[in-house]
Amino acid sequence: MSNEKMNVPLNTVTRNLADLAAPTGNIYETVMIVAKRANQISADIKQELSHKLEEFSNYADTLEETFENREQIEISKYYEKLPKPTLTATSEFMDGDLFYRKAE
């Protein structure tokens, strides 16, 4: 997952509901689209983080040795600083980067 290409804020942003609802014509549809995309982003980030941290897992390590691994701490800090999935999904929606359709 690459957030470098996007200009996603790290803090909550107040949005105009009319602007959010404009593409779909319904604020509830917009919220569901953004929520589903945020869940996808969250799952991708979790899978990517788990895969990277799996490289450090050694089942013979003691608990103290696990907490002292600097590389593992740096990777975790990087993921903590990423924008929240909801902010990323909302930004994608507002920029027109999301593809969605109604199941009718």
N, C-alpha and C. Protein backbone atom coordinates (compact mmCIF):
# COMPACT_ATOMS: atom_id res chain seq x y z
N MET A 1 0.85 -1.17 0.00
CA MET A 1 0.00 0.00 0.00
C MET A 1 0.88 1.22 0.00
N SER A 2 0.67 2.09 -0.93
CA SER A 2 1.52 3.26 -1.06
C SER A 2 0.71 4.53 -0.86
N ASN A 3 0.97 5.23 0.23
CA ASN A 3 0.28 6.48 0.50
C ASN A 3 1.11 7.68 0.06
N GLU A 4 2.33 7.44 -0.46
CA GLU A 4 3.19 8.54 -0.86
C GLU A 4 2.60 9.31 -2.03
N LYS A 5 1.89 8.63 -2.93
CA LYS A 5 1.36 9.27 -4.12
C LYS A 5 0.15 10.14 -3.81
N MET A 6 -0.45 9.92 -2.66
CA MET A 6 -1.66 10.64 -2.30
C MET A 6 -1.35 11.71 -1.26
N ASN A 7 -2.15 12.76 -1.31
CA ASN A 7 -2.02 13.82 -0.32
C ASN A 7 -3.15 13.64 0.70
N VAL A 8 -2.97 12.70 1.61
CA VAL A 8 -3.99 12.36 2.58
C VAL A 8 -3.64 13.03 3.91
N PRO A 9 -4.60 13.76 4.49
CA PRO A 9 -4.32 14.40 5.79
C PRO A 9 -4.16 13.35 6.88
N LEU A 10 -3.38 13.69 7.89
CA LEU A 10 -3.16 12.77 9.01
C LEU A 10 -4.18 12.99 10.12
N ASN A 11 -4.88 14.12 10.09
CA ASN A 11 -5.88 14.43 11.10
C ASN A 11 -7.26 14.48 10.47
N THR A 12 -8.26 14.45 11.31
CA THR A 12 -9.64 14.51 10.85
C THR A 12 -9.90 15.83 10.14
N VAL A 13 -10.65 15.74 9.05
CA VAL A 13 -10.98 16.92 8.26
C VAL A 13 -12.49 17.08 8.23
N THR A 14 -12.97 18.30 8.47
CA THR A 14 -14.40 18.56 8.39
C THR A 14 -14.78 18.64 6.92
N ARG A 15 -15.80 17.90 6.55
CA ARG A 15 -16.24 17.84 5.15
C ARG A 15 -17.66 18.38 5.03
N ASN A 16 -17.96 18.93 3.87
CA ASN A 16 -19.31 19.40 3.57
C ASN A 16 -20.13 18.18 3.13
N LEU A 17 -21.24 17.92 3.80
CA LEU A 17 -22.06 16.76 3.48
C LEU A 17 -22.59 16.81 2.05
N ALA A 18 -22.92 17.99 1.58
CA ALA A 18 -23.43 18.11 0.20
C ALA A 18 -22.36 17.69 -0.80
N ASP A 19 -21.10 18.05 -0.54
CA ASP A 19 -20.01 17.66 -1.43
C ASP A 19 -19.79 16.14 -1.41
N LEU A 20 -19.92 15.56 -0.22
CA LEU A 20 -19.75 14.10 -0.11
C LEU A 20 -20.88 13.35 -0.80
N ALA A 21 -22.10 13.86 -0.68
CA ALA A 21 -23.26 13.18 -1.24
C ALA A 21 -23.42 13.41 -2.74
N ALA A 22 -22.77 14.40 -3.28
CA ALA A 22 -22.95 14.78 -4.69
C ALA A 22 -22.72 13.63 -5.68
N PRO A 23 -21.64 12.87 -5.59
CA PRO A 23 -21.41 11.82 -6.59
C PRO A 23 -22.48 10.71 -6.60
N THR A 24 -23.02 10.38 -5.44
CA THR A 24 -24.00 9.30 -5.36
C THR A 24 -25.43 9.80 -5.26
N GLY A 25 -25.60 11.03 -4.82
CA GLY A 25 -26.94 11.57 -4.61
C GLY A 25 -27.52 11.18 -3.26
N ASN A 26 -26.76 10.44 -2.45
CA ASN A 26 -27.26 9.96 -1.17
C ASN A 26 -26.09 9.84 -0.21
N ILE A 27 -26.16 10.54 0.91
CA ILE A 27 -25.06 10.53 1.88
C ILE A 27 -24.84 9.14 2.46
N TYR A 28 -25.91 8.37 2.61
CA TYR A 28 -25.77 7.03 3.20
C TYR A 28 -25.04 6.08 2.25
N GLU A 29 -25.30 6.21 0.97
CA GLU A 29 -24.54 5.41 -0.01
C GLU A 29 -23.07 5.78 0.02
N THR A 30 -22.82 7.08 0.10
CA THR A 30 -21.44 7.56 0.16
C THR A 30 -20.73 7.00 1.38
N VAL A 31 -21.40 7.04 2.52
CA VAL A 31 -20.80 6.52 3.75
C VAL A 31 -20.50 5.03 3.62
N MET A 32 -21.40 4.28 3.03
CA MET A 32 -21.18 2.84 2.86
C MET A 32 -20.02 2.56 1.89
N ILE A 33 -19.93 3.33 0.83
CA ILE A 33 -18.83 3.15 -0.13
C ILE A 33 -17.49 3.43 0.55
N VAL A 34 -17.42 4.55 1.27
CA VAL A 34 -16.19 4.92 1.97
C VAL A 34 -15.86 3.89 3.05
N ALA A 35 -16.87 3.42 3.78
CA ALA A 35 -16.64 2.44 4.84
C ALA A 35 -16.10 1.12 4.28
N LYS A 36 -16.66 0.67 3.18
CA LYS A 36 -16.19 -0.59 2.58
C LYS A 36 -14.75 -0.44 2.09
N ARG A 37 -14.45 0.70 1.49
CA ARG A 37 -13.08 0.94 1.02
C ARG A 37 -12.12 1.04 2.20
N ALA A 38 -12.55 1.70 3.28
CA ALA A 38 -11.70 1.81 4.47
C ALA A 38 -11.41 0.43 5.05
N ASN A 39 -12.40 -0.46 5.04
CA ASN A 39 -12.18 -1.83 5.52
C ASN A 39 -11.17 -2.56 4.64
N GLN A 40 -11.24 -2.35 3.32
CA GLN A 40 -10.27 -2.96 2.41
C GLN A 40 -8.86 -2.44 2.69
N ILE A 41 -8.74 -1.14 2.85
CA ILE A 41 -7.43 -0.54 3.12
C ILE A 41 -6.88 -1.06 4.45
N SER A 42 -7.73 -1.11 5.46
CA SER A 42 -7.31 -1.60 6.78
C SER A 42 -6.83 -3.05 6.70
N ALA A 43 -7.55 -3.87 5.98
CA ALA A 43 -7.16 -5.28 5.83
C ALA A 43 -5.82 -5.40 5.09
N ASP A 44 -5.63 -4.58 4.06
CA ASP A 44 -4.37 -4.60 3.31
C ASP A 44 -3.20 -4.18 4.20
N ILE A 45 -3.39 -3.13 4.98
CA ILE A 45 -2.33 -2.65 5.86
C ILE A 45 -2.01 -3.71 6.92
N LYS A 46 -3.05 -4.31 7.48
CA LYS A 46 -2.84 -5.34 8.51
C LYS A 46 -2.08 -6.53 7.95
N GLN A 47 -2.45 -6.95 6.75
CA GLN A 47 -1.78 -8.09 6.12
C GLN A 47 -0.32 -7.74 5.82
N GLU A 48 -0.08 -6.54 5.31
CA GLU A 48 1.28 -6.11 4.99
C GLU A 48 2.13 -6.02 6.24
N LEU A 49 1.59 -5.45 7.31
CA LEU A 49 2.32 -5.33 8.57
C LEU A 49 2.60 -6.71 9.16
N SER A 50 1.61 -7.58 9.15
CA SER A 50 1.81 -8.93 9.69
C SER A 50 2.89 -9.67 8.93
N HIS A 51 2.89 -9.50 7.61
CA HIS A 51 3.91 -10.17 6.79
C HIS A 51 5.30 -9.65 7.13
N LYS A 52 5.44 -8.34 7.29
CA LYS A 52 6.75 -7.77 7.62
C LYS A 52 7.21 -8.17 9.01
N LEU A 53 6.29 -8.19 9.96
CA LEU A 53 6.67 -8.55 11.33
C LEU A 53 6.92 -10.05 11.46
N GLU A 54 6.32 -10.84 10.57
CA GLU A 54 6.54 -12.29 10.59
C GLU A 54 8.00 -12.64 10.32
N GLU A 55 8.67 -11.79 9.56
CA GLU A 55 10.09 -12.02 9.26
C GLU A 55 10.93 -11.99 10.53
N PHE A 56 10.46 -11.27 11.54
CA PHE A 56 11.21 -11.12 12.78
C PHE A 56 10.85 -12.17 13.82
N SER A 57 9.75 -12.87 13.59
CA SER A 57 9.32 -13.80 14.63
C SER A 57 10.22 -15.02 14.65
N ASN A 58 10.65 -15.31 15.81
CA ASN A 58 11.45 -16.50 16.06
C ASN A 58 10.84 -17.14 17.30
N TYR A 59 10.35 -18.33 17.15
CA TYR A 59 9.61 -18.95 18.24
C TYR A 59 10.48 -19.31 19.42
N ALA A 60 11.79 -19.25 19.26
CA ALA A 60 12.69 -19.55 20.37
C ALA A 60 12.99 -18.30 21.19
N ASP A 61 12.65 -17.12 20.67
CA ASP A 61 12.91 -15.86 21.39
C ASP A 61 12.10 -15.79 22.67
N THR A 62 12.68 -15.14 23.63
CA THR A 62 11.93 -14.86 24.84
C THR A 62 11.16 -13.55 24.63
N LEU A 63 10.28 -13.25 25.52
CA LEU A 63 9.46 -12.05 25.41
C LEU A 63 10.34 -10.79 25.43
N GLU A 64 11.37 -10.76 26.25
CA GLU A 64 12.25 -9.59 26.34
C GLU A 64 12.99 -9.35 25.03
N GLU A 65 13.45 -10.42 24.39
CA GLU A 65 14.16 -10.27 23.12
C GLU A 65 13.26 -9.74 22.03
N THR A 66 11.99 -10.10 22.06
CA THR A 66 11.04 -9.64 21.06
C THR A 66 10.84 -8.14 21.16
N PHE A 67 10.75 -7.61 22.38
CA PHE A 67 10.52 -6.18 22.56
C PHE A 67 11.75 -5.34 22.26
N GLU A 68 12.92 -5.93 22.23
CA GLU A 68 14.15 -5.17 22.02
C GLU A 68 14.55 -5.06 20.55
N ASN A 69 13.82 -5.65 19.65
CA ASN A 69 14.17 -5.63 18.24
C ASN A 69 13.87 -4.26 17.65
N ARG A 70 14.91 -3.49 17.36
CA ARG A 70 14.78 -2.11 16.87
C ARG A 70 14.11 -2.04 15.50
N GLU A 71 14.46 -2.93 14.60
CA GLU A 71 13.86 -2.91 13.26
C GLU A 71 12.36 -3.13 13.33
N GLN A 72 11.95 -4.02 14.18
CA GLN A 72 10.53 -4.31 14.36
C GLN A 72 9.81 -3.08 14.91
N ILE A 73 10.43 -2.39 15.84
CA ILE A 73 9.85 -1.18 16.42
C ILE A 73 9.73 -0.10 15.36
N GLU A 74 10.74 0.06 14.52
CA GLU A 74 10.70 1.07 13.47
C GLU A 74 9.59 0.79 12.46
N ILE A 75 9.41 -0.46 12.10
CA ILE A 75 8.34 -0.83 11.17
C ILE A 75 6.98 -0.51 11.78
N SER A 76 6.82 -0.84 13.05
CA SER A 76 5.55 -0.56 13.73
C SER A 76 5.29 0.93 13.81
N LYS A 77 6.31 1.71 14.10
CA LYS A 77 6.15 3.18 14.17
C LYS A 77 5.76 3.74 12.81
N TYR A 78 6.33 3.20 11.74
CA TYR A 78 5.99 3.67 10.39
C TYR A 78 4.49 3.47 10.13
N TYR A 79 3.99 2.29 10.47
CA TYR A 79 2.58 2.00 10.22
C TYR A 79 1.66 2.81 11.13
N GLU A 80 2.12 3.15 12.33
CA GLU A 80 1.32 3.98 13.22
C GLU A 80 1.17 5.40 12.68
N LYS A 81 2.15 5.87 11.91
CA LYS A 81 2.13 7.24 11.38
C LYS A 81 1.34 7.36 10.09
N LEU A 82 0.95 6.25 9.49
CA LEU A 82 0.17 6.31 8.26
C LEU A 82 -1.20 6.93 8.52
N PRO A 83 -1.78 7.57 7.51
CA PRO A 83 -3.13 8.11 7.69
C PRO A 83 -4.11 6.99 7.98
N LYS A 84 -5.14 7.30 8.72
CA LYS A 84 -6.16 6.31 9.04
C LYS A 84 -6.87 5.86 7.76
N PRO A 85 -7.27 4.60 7.68
CA PRO A 85 -7.93 4.09 6.48
C PRO A 85 -9.18 4.89 6.08
N THR A 86 -9.91 5.40 7.06
CA THR A 86 -11.11 6.18 6.75
C THR A 86 -10.74 7.47 6.03
N LEU A 87 -9.67 8.12 6.47
CA LEU A 87 -9.23 9.35 5.81
C LEU A 87 -8.75 9.07 4.40
N THR A 88 -8.04 7.97 4.23
CA THR A 88 -7.55 7.59 2.90
C THR A 88 -8.72 7.28 1.98
N ALA A 89 -9.69 6.52 2.45
CA ALA A 89 -10.85 6.16 1.64
C ALA A 89 -11.67 7.39 1.26
N THR A 90 -11.86 8.30 2.21
CA THR A 90 -12.61 9.52 1.93
C THR A 90 -11.88 10.37 0.90
N SER A 91 -10.58 10.45 1.02
CA SER A 91 -9.78 11.22 0.06
C SER A 91 -9.87 10.60 -1.33
N GLU A 92 -9.80 9.26 -1.41
CA GLU A 92 -9.94 8.58 -2.70
C GLU A 92 -11.31 8.86 -3.30
N PHE A 93 -12.34 8.82 -2.48
CA PHE A 93 -13.70 9.07 -2.96
C PHE A 93 -13.85 10.49 -3.49
N MET A 94 -13.36 11.45 -2.72
CA MET A 94 -13.49 12.85 -3.12
C MET A 94 -12.67 13.18 -4.37
N ASP A 95 -11.56 12.46 -4.57
CA ASP A 95 -10.72 12.67 -5.76
C ASP A 95 -11.23 11.91 -6.97
N GLY A 96 -12.26 11.09 -6.79
CA GLY A 96 -12.80 10.32 -7.89
C GLY A 96 -11.99 9.10 -8.25
N ASP A 97 -11.19 8.62 -7.31
CA ASP A 97 -10.32 7.46 -7.56
C ASP A 97 -10.98 6.13 -7.22
N LEU A 98 -12.20 6.15 -6.68
CA LEU A 98 -12.89 4.91 -6.31
C LEU A 98 -13.87 4.51 -7.39
N PHE A 99 -13.87 3.22 -7.70
CA PHE A 99 -14.88 2.68 -8.62
C PHE A 99 -15.92 1.97 -7.77
N TYR A 100 -17.18 2.32 -7.99
CA TYR A 100 -18.25 1.69 -7.24
C TYR A 100 -19.45 1.55 -8.18
N ARG A 101 -20.32 0.61 -7.85
CA ARG A 101 -21.54 0.41 -8.64
C ARG A 101 -22.62 -0.13 -7.74
N LYS A 102 -23.85 0.08 -8.17
CA LYS A 102 -24.99 -0.44 -7.42
C LYS A 102 -25.29 -1.84 -7.92
N ALA A 103 -25.62 -2.71 -7.01
CA ALA A 103 -26.01 -4.08 -7.36
C ALA A 103 -27.52 -4.11 -7.60
N GLU A 104 -27.92 -3.76 -8.80
CA GLU A 104 -29.35 -3.74 -9.12
C GLU A 104 -29.60 -4.64 -10.31
